[in-house]
C-alpha atoms as a PDB file:
ATOM      1  CA  UNK A   1      32.767 -17.594 -25.861  1.00  0.00           C
ATOM      2  CA  UNK A   2      30.556 -16.730 -22.922  1.00  0.00           C
ATOM      3  CA  UNK A   3      26.935 -16.078 -24.003  1.00  0.00           C
ATOM      4  CA  UNK A   4      26.820 -12.777 -22.105  1.00  0.00           C
ATOM      5  CA  UNK A   5      30.029 -11.564 -23.687  1.00  0.00           C
ATOM      6  CA  UNK A   6      28.810 -12.505 -27.138  1.00  0.00           C
ATOM      7  CA  UNK A   7      25.510 -10.726 -26.527  1.00  0.00           C
ATOM      8  CA  UNK A   8      27.275  -7.624 -25.208  1.00  0.00           C
ATOM      9  CA  UNK A   9      29.599  -7.480 -28.173  1.00  0.00           C
ATOM     10  CA  UNK A  10      26.705  -7.859 -30.606  1.00  0.00           C
ATOM     11  CA  UNK A  11      24.650  -5.172 -28.902  1.00  0.00           C
ATOM     12  CA  UNK A  12      21.917  -7.634 -27.838  1.00  0.00           C
ATOM     13  CA  UNK A  13      22.757  -7.510 -24.130  1.00  0.00           C
ATOM     14  CA  UNK A  14      20.718  -5.285 -21.859  1.00  0.00           C
ATOM     15  CA  UNK A  15      21.289  -4.421 -18.233  1.00  0.00           C
ATOM     16  CA  UNK A  16      18.660  -4.984 -15.606  1.00  0.00           C
ATOM     17  CA  UNK A  17      17.086  -1.801 -14.248  1.00  0.00           C
ATOM     18  CA  UNK A  18      18.674  -0.072 -11.283  1.00  0.00           C
ATOM     19  CA  UNK A  19      17.173   1.743  -8.318  1.00  0.00           C
ATOM     20  CA  UNK A  20      19.205   4.330  -6.431  1.00  0.00           C
ATOM     21  CA  UNK A  21      17.861   6.107  -3.380  1.00  0.00           C
ATOM     22  CA  UNK A  22      20.217   8.539  -1.709  1.00  0.00           C
ATOM     23  CA  UNK A  23      19.930  11.091   1.040  1.00  0.00           C
ATOM     24  CA  UNK A  24      21.459  14.497   0.403  1.00  0.00           C
ATOM     25  CA  UNK A  25      23.342  14.183   3.715  1.00  0.00           C
ATOM     26  CA  UNK A  26      24.796  10.774   2.854  1.00  0.00           C
ATOM     27  CA  UNK A  27      28.592  10.694   2.923  1.00  0.00           C
ATOM     28  CA  UNK A  28      28.335   8.700  -0.320  1.00  0.00           C
ATOM     29  CA  UNK A  29      25.994  11.207  -1.938  1.00  0.00           C
ATOM     30  CA  UNK A  30      28.361  12.341  -4.693  1.00  0.00           C
ATOM     31  CA  UNK A  31      29.352   8.744  -5.454  1.00  0.00           C
ATOM     32  CA  UNK A  32      25.660   7.911  -5.894  1.00  0.00           C
ATOM     33  CA  UNK A  33      25.104  10.901  -8.172  1.00  0.00           C
ATOM     34  CA  UNK A  34      28.146   9.937 -10.260  1.00  0.00           C
ATOM     35  CA  UNK A  35      27.062   6.297 -10.476  1.00  0.00           C
ATOM     36  CA  UNK A  36      23.572   7.325 -11.599  1.00  0.00           C
ATOM     37  CA  UNK A  37      25.107   9.499 -14.305  1.00  0.00           C
ATOM     38  CA  UNK A  38      27.233   6.608 -15.566  1.00  0.00           C
ATOM     39  CA  UNK A  39      24.216   4.305 -15.652  1.00  0.00           C
ATOM     40  CA  UNK A  40      22.300   6.888 -17.672  1.00  0.00           C
ATOM     41  CA  UNK A  41      25.259   7.267 -20.065  1.00  0.00           C
ATOM     42  CA  UNK A  42      25.049   3.595 -20.971  1.00  0.00           C
ATOM     43  CA  UNK A  43      21.231   3.612 -21.094  1.00  0.00           C
ATOM     44  CA  UNK A  44      20.601   1.446 -18.044  1.00  0.00           C
ATOM     45  CA  UNK A  45      16.963   1.869 -16.982  1.00  0.00           C
ATOM     46  CA  UNK A  46      17.174   3.814 -13.738  1.00  0.00           C
ATOM     47  CA  UNK A  47      14.897   4.978 -10.978  1.00  0.00           C
ATOM     48  CA  UNK A  48      16.790   7.665  -9.096  1.00  0.00           C
ATOM     49  CA  UNK A  49      15.392   9.069  -5.867  1.00  0.00           C
ATOM     50  CA  UNK A  50      17.074  11.838  -3.935  1.00  0.00           C
ATOM     51  CA  UNK A  51      15.883  12.664  -0.439  1.00  0.00           C
ATOM     52  CA  UNK A  52      16.937  16.160   0.654  1.00  0.00           C
ATOM     53  CA  UNK A  53      16.649  15.610   4.414  1.00  0.00           C
ATOM     54  CA  UNK A  54      18.024  12.092   4.818  1.00  0.00           C
ATOM     55  CA  UNK A  55      21.445  10.666   5.542  1.00  0.00           C
ATOM     56  CA  UNK A  56      23.246   7.382   4.917  1.00  0.00           C
ATOM     57  CA  UNK A  57      21.393   4.353   6.234  1.00  0.00           C
ATOM     58  CA  UNK A  58      17.982   5.974   6.366  1.00  0.00           C
ATOM     59  CA  UNK A  59      16.315   2.550   6.031  1.00  0.00           C
ATOM     60  CA  UNK A  60      17.518   1.923   9.599  1.00  0.00           C
ATOM     61  CA  UNK A  61      15.560   4.883  10.957  1.00  0.00           C
ATOM     62  CA  UNK A  62      12.085   4.030   9.695  1.00  0.00           C
ATOM     63  CA  UNK A  63      10.718   3.412  13.204  1.00  0.00           C
ATOM     64  CA  UNK A  64      11.634   6.908  14.401  1.00  0.00           C
ATOM     65  CA  UNK A  65      11.674   9.025  11.249  1.00  0.00           C
ATOM     66  CA  UNK A  66       8.541   9.524   9.140  1.00  0.00           C
ATOM     67  CA  UNK A  67      10.703  10.848   6.267  1.00  0.00           C
ATOM     68  CA  UNK A  68      12.839   7.695   6.369  1.00  0.00           C
ATOM     69  CA  UNK A  69       9.747   5.490   6.442  1.00  0.00           C
ATOM     70  CA  UNK A  70       8.238   7.323   3.467  1.00  0.00           C
ATOM     71  CA  UNK A  71      11.481   7.034   1.477  1.00  0.00           C
ATOM     72  CA  UNK A  72      11.801   3.332   2.290  1.00  0.00           C
ATOM     73  CA  UNK A  73       8.185   2.740   1.270  1.00  0.00           C
ATOM     74  CA  UNK A  74       8.718   4.588  -2.004  1.00  0.00           C
ATOM     75  CA  UNK A  75      11.847   2.600  -2.870  1.00  0.00           C
ATOM     76  CA  UNK A  76      10.148  -0.692  -1.967  1.00  0.00           C
ATOM     77  CA  UNK A  77       7.220   0.299  -4.191  1.00  0.00           C
ATOM     78  CA  UNK A  78       9.707   1.002  -6.984  1.00  0.00           C
ATOM     79  CA  UNK A  79      11.225  -2.441  -6.552  1.00  0.00           C
ATOM     80  CA  UNK A  80       7.817  -4.129  -6.447  1.00  0.00           C
ATOM     81  CA  UNK A  81       6.935  -2.343  -9.676  1.00  0.00           C
ATOM     82  CA  UNK A  82      10.044  -3.647 -11.401  1.00  0.00           C
ATOM     83  CA  UNK A  83       9.432  -7.202 -10.213  1.00  0.00           C
ATOM     84  CA  UNK A  84       5.929  -7.385 -11.667  1.00  0.00           C
END
């Protein structure tokens, strides 16, 4: 039996933490909200960030949008924190 499967079945398996950053104007906004809820249901450690004025792909706009740059910085800080 696969070690991961055995661990999952015994309750010893844990998921790595997740980070979700979503803009309220993202066309995948509701999917992100639903996914975050499912992760919480199964006790996956989660950092969820919602940005009320941003859209899908806001990481691409960091050079022209201070709000996008701030959101990207925050999410990168979150990731750095998890990797320490």
